[in-house]
C-alpha cells in the first residue's frame, strides 16, 4: 500500500532517497550504512524510519526505483522523440554516452543484488523499467511507420523488444568487459535494419509501379 505524504514530506523523502543514491554511487552499496545517509541528508533517525519503517531494505528499494527512473531520464528528451532518423541517432549517441560515463559500475545492478532480484519489490522495479523503456521505443517505431520511414509490416512491439534485449545484452557485456563495442554494434545494426527495411519496401513498390 502506497503511503501519502504532504508536499513537504515528499520533499524530505526525496532528499533522503537522492542522498542515499549519491552515497551508494560514491561508496558502493556494500559500504553504505544508515548513519552515512543520515549525516549526508541531515536527517534524524526518527525521520528516516518515518518514511522507511522497514529500514535499510525499504530504503534500498526506494533508491533502486530512483536509479531505474534515472535510466530513462538520462535518455531524454531523445527517447520520447524518436520521430526522425536524426532523432534516433541522437538517442543512440545519448545512450552510448550514458553508459560510457557509467562504466563498469551499475548502481541499479548492485542495489537489486542487495534487495534480492526475486523479491517482489525488486522484480516490480525491473519489470516497470523495461515496460516503460520498451513502450517508448515501440511508440518511436510506430511513428516512423506512420511517416513511411519504417516498413509497415514490421511488428513494432517485437522489434522494440528485440532492440531492448540487445541493449541489455550490450550493457551486461560492458559491465563484464569494460567495452562499449557490443552496445554500439547492436544499436547500429538494429537501427540500420529498421531503415533498410523501409528502403527495400520503397524500392520494390517503385519497381512495381514502373
Protein backbone atom coordinates (compact mmCIF):
# COMPACT_ATOMS: atom_id res chain seq x y z
CA UNK A 1 0.00 0.00 0.00
CA UNK A 2 1.41 3.38 -1.03
CA UNK A 3 1.56 5.92 1.77
CA UNK A 4 0.58 9.51 1.12
CA UNK A 5 2.78 12.34 2.36
CA UNK A 6 2.42 16.08 2.37
CA UNK A 7 4.37 18.07 -0.21
CA UNK A 8 6.96 18.82 2.46
CA UNK A 9 7.03 15.14 3.41
CA UNK A 10 7.55 14.09 -0.19
CA UNK A 11 10.42 16.57 -0.47
CA UNK A 12 12.04 15.16 2.67
CA UNK A 13 11.62 11.58 1.45
CA UNK A 14 13.05 12.54 -1.93
CA UNK A 15 16.04 14.20 -0.23
CA UNK A 16 16.75 11.01 1.71
CA UNK A 17 16.49 8.82 -1.40
CA UNK A 18 18.66 11.13 -3.50
CA UNK A 19 21.25 11.41 -0.76
CA UNK A 20 21.32 7.64 -0.30
CA UNK A 21 21.71 7.21 -4.07
CA UNK A 22 24.67 9.62 -4.11
CA UNK A 23 26.22 7.84 -1.14
CA UNK A 24 25.88 4.46 -2.83
CA UNK A 25 27.35 5.77 -6.10
CA UNK A 26 30.39 7.05 -4.23
CA UNK A 27 30.99 4.24 -1.75
CA UNK A 28 29.22 1.23 -3.25
CA UNK A 29 26.12 -0.36 -1.79
CA UNK A 30 28.07 -2.77 0.44
CA UNK A 31 29.85 0.05 2.26
CA UNK A 32 26.93 2.38 2.93
CA UNK A 33 25.43 2.50 6.42
CA UNK A 34 22.26 4.25 7.50
CA UNK A 35 24.44 6.55 9.61
CA UNK A 36 26.17 7.73 6.40
CA UNK A 37 22.82 8.54 4.80
CA UNK A 38 21.62 10.37 7.92
CA UNK A 39 24.76 12.51 8.01
CA UNK A 40 24.68 13.28 4.29
CA UNK A 41 20.99 14.24 4.22
CA UNK A 42 20.96 15.95 7.65
CA UNK A 43 18.11 13.66 8.66
CA UNK A 44 17.30 12.24 12.08
CA UNK A 45 16.89 8.52 12.64
CA UNK A 46 13.27 9.14 13.57
CA UNK A 47 12.63 10.92 10.28
CA UNK A 48 14.25 8.16 8.25
CA UNK A 49 12.16 5.44 9.89
CA UNK A 50 9.04 7.57 9.48
CA UNK A 51 9.48 7.42 5.71
CA UNK A 52 11.04 3.96 5.62
CA UNK A 53 9.57 1.93 8.50
CA UNK A 54 11.28 -1.27 7.31
CA UNK A 55 14.65 0.41 7.49
CA UNK A 56 17.54 -0.18 5.12
CA UNK A 57 15.80 -2.76 2.90
CA UNK A 58 12.93 -0.40 2.17
CA UNK A 59 15.30 2.50 1.58
CA UNK A 60 17.37 0.41 -0.85
CA UNK A 61 14.23 -0.45 -2.82
CA UNK A 62 13.34 3.25 -3.00
CA UNK A 63 16.86 4.05 -4.21
CA UNK A 64 16.60 1.24 -6.78
CA UNK A 65 13.39 2.80 -8.08
CA UNK A 66 15.13 6.18 -8.20
CA UNK A 67 18.00 4.68 -10.21
CA UNK A 68 15.57 2.89 -12.55
CA UNK A 69 13.79 6.18 -13.20
CA UNK A 70 17.16 7.81 -13.82
CA UNK A 71 17.97 5.30 -16.58
CA UNK A 72 15.08 6.72 -18.61
CA UNK A 73 15.55 10.34 -17.54
CA UNK A 74 19.15 10.16 -18.80
CA UNK A 75 17.85 9.28 -22.29
CA UNK A 76 15.57 12.29 -22.54
CA UNK A 77 14.43 14.22 -24.45
CA UNK A 78 15.61 11.82 -27.19
CA UNK A 79 13.77 8.70 -26.03
CA UNK A 80 10.38 10.42 -26.14
CA UNK A 81 11.07 11.99 -29.52
CA UNK A 82 12.03 9.12 -31.85
CA UNK A 83 10.32 10.85 -34.77
CA UNK A 84 13.10 11.00 -37.40
CA UNK A 85 16.32 9.19 -38.20
CA UNK A 86 18.43 12.07 -36.84
CA UNK A 87 16.41 11.77 -33.63
CA UNK A 88 17.06 8.03 -33.45
CA UNK A 89 20.78 8.61 -33.96
CA UNK A 90 20.78 11.31 -31.30
CA UNK A 91 19.13 8.82 -28.92
CA UNK A 92 21.75 6.23 -29.87
CA UNK A 93 24.53 8.72 -29.08
CA UNK A 94 22.93 9.69 -25.76
CA UNK A 95 22.64 6.04 -24.75
CA UNK A 96 26.30 5.34 -25.59
CA UNK A 97 27.36 8.49 -23.76
CA UNK A 98 25.36 7.49 -20.69
CA UNK A 99 26.82 4.01 -20.42
CA UNK A 100 30.35 5.19 -21.17
CA UNK A 101 30.03 7.60 -18.26
CA UNK A 102 28.65 4.86 -16.02
CA UNK A 103 31.39 2.40 -16.90
CA UNK A 104 31.52 -0.97 -15.19
CA UNK A 105 29.74 0.19 -12.03
CA UNK A 106 25.96 -0.07 -12.26
CA UNK A 107 24.21 1.28 -9.13
CA UNK A 108 20.92 -0.36 -10.10
CA UNK A 109 22.51 -3.76 -10.61
CA UNK A 110 24.25 -3.56 -7.25
CA UNK A 111 21.10 -2.45 -5.47
CA UNK A 112 18.93 -5.18 -6.92
CA UNK A 113 21.51 -7.70 -5.85
CA UNK A 114 21.24 -6.38 -2.30
CA UNK A 115 17.45 -6.29 -2.23
CA UNK A 116 17.08 -9.68 -3.88
CA UNK A 117 16.31 -9.91 -7.57
CA UNK A 118 13.50 -12.35 -6.91
CA UNK A 119 11.86 -10.25 -4.22
CA UNK A 120 8.51 -8.90 -5.44
CA UNK A 121 9.58 -5.29 -4.94
CA UNK A 122 12.83 -5.68 -6.87
CA UNK A 123 11.16 -7.63 -9.66
CA UNK A 124 8.46 -4.96 -9.97
CA UNK A 125 11.13 -2.25 -10.38
CA UNK A 126 12.87 -4.14 -13.19
CA UNK A 127 9.58 -5.02 -14.88
CA UNK A 128 8.36 -1.42 -14.70
CA UNK A 129 11.61 -0.05 -16.10
CA UNK A 130 11.65 -2.47 -19.03
CA UNK A 131 7.95 -1.91 -19.78
CA UNK A 132 8.34 1.89 -19.91
CA UNK A 133 11.54 1.64 -21.97
CA UNK A 134 10.05 -0.78 -24.49
CA UNK A 135 6.86 1.30 -24.72
CA UNK A 136 8.86 4.41 -25.66
CA UNK A 137 10.80 2.52 -28.35
CA UNK A 138 7.57 0.97 -29.67
CA UNK A 139 5.98 4.39 -29.96
CA UNK A 140 9.02 5.63 -31.87
CA UNK A 141 8.82 2.72 -34.32
CA UNK A 142 5.10 3.26 -34.86
CA UNK A 143 5.64 6.94 -35.52
CA UNK A 144 8.29 6.11 -38.10
CA UNK A 145 5.89 3.63 -39.70
CA UNK A 146 3.28 6.38 -39.95
CA UNK A 147 5.74 8.50 -41.95
CA UNK A 148 6.91 5.61 -44.11
CA UNK A 149 10.42 5.59 -42.61
CA UNK A 150 9.97 2.07 -41.22
CA UNK A 151 8.19 -0.66 -43.17
CA UNK A 152 4.54 -1.07 -42.22
CA UNK A 153 4.86 -4.85 -41.86
CA UNK A 154 7.38 -4.58 -39.00
CA UNK A 155 5.89 -5.79 -35.71
CA UNK A 156 6.62 -2.70 -33.59
CA UNK A 157 6.27 -4.45 -30.25
CA UNK A 158 8.56 -7.34 -31.19
CA UNK A 159 11.11 -5.03 -32.83
CA UNK A 160 11.19 -2.86 -29.71
CA UNK A 161 11.51 -5.95 -27.50
CA UNK A 162 14.41 -7.24 -29.61
CA UNK A 163 16.18 -3.87 -29.53
CA UNK A 164 15.75 -3.60 -25.76
CA UNK A 165 17.05 -7.15 -25.29
CA UNK A 166 20.07 -6.23 -27.40
CA UNK A 167 20.69 -3.11 -25.34
CA UNK A 168 20.53 -5.10 -22.13
CA UNK A 169 22.97 -7.64 -23.54
CA UNK A 170 25.32 -4.87 -24.58
CA UNK A 171 25.15 -3.30 -21.12
CA UNK A 172 25.82 -6.67 -19.47
CA UNK A 173 28.89 -7.17 -21.65
CA UNK A 174 30.04 -3.65 -20.81
CA UNK A 175 29.78 -4.48 -17.10
CA UNK A 176 31.70 -7.71 -17.69
CA UNK A 177 34.42 -6.49 -20.07
CA UNK A 178 34.54 -2.72 -19.77
CA UNK A 179 34.00 -2.43 -23.53
CA UNK A 180 31.17 -0.46 -25.17
CA UNK A 181 31.60 -2.13 -28.58
CA UNK A 182 28.76 -4.62 -28.19
CA UNK A 183 26.24 -1.95 -27.23
CA UNK A 184 27.33 0.22 -30.15
CA UNK A 185 27.04 -2.74 -32.53
CA UNK A 186 23.52 -3.74 -31.51
CA UNK A 187 22.25 -0.16 -31.73
CA UNK A 188 23.89 0.49 -35.11
CA UNK A 189 22.83 -2.79 -36.71
CA UNK A 190 19.26 -2.68 -35.39
CA UNK A 191 18.66 0.92 -36.44
CA UNK A 192 20.19 0.22 -39.85
CA UNK A 193 17.97 -2.86 -40.20
CA UNK A 194 14.86 -0.81 -39.48
CA UNK A 195 15.94 1.81 -42.01
CA UNK A 196 16.91 -0.64 -44.76
CA UNK A 197 13.60 -2.49 -44.45
CA UNK A 198 11.77 0.69 -45.41
CA UNK A 199 14.21 1.39 -48.27
CA UNK A 200 13.76 -2.11 -49.69
CA UNK A 201 9.98 -1.86 -49.47
CA UNK A 202 10.01 1.53 -51.14
CA UNK A 203 12.25 0.29 -53.93
CA UNK A 204 10.02 -2.72 -54.55
CA UNK A 205 6.93 -0.55 -54.72
CA UNK A 206 8.73 1.79 -57.12
CA UNK A 207 9.67 -1.11 -59.37
CA UNK A 208 6.12 -2.35 -59.34
CA UNK A 209 4.79 0.99 -60.46
CA UNK A 210 7.38 1.43 -63.23
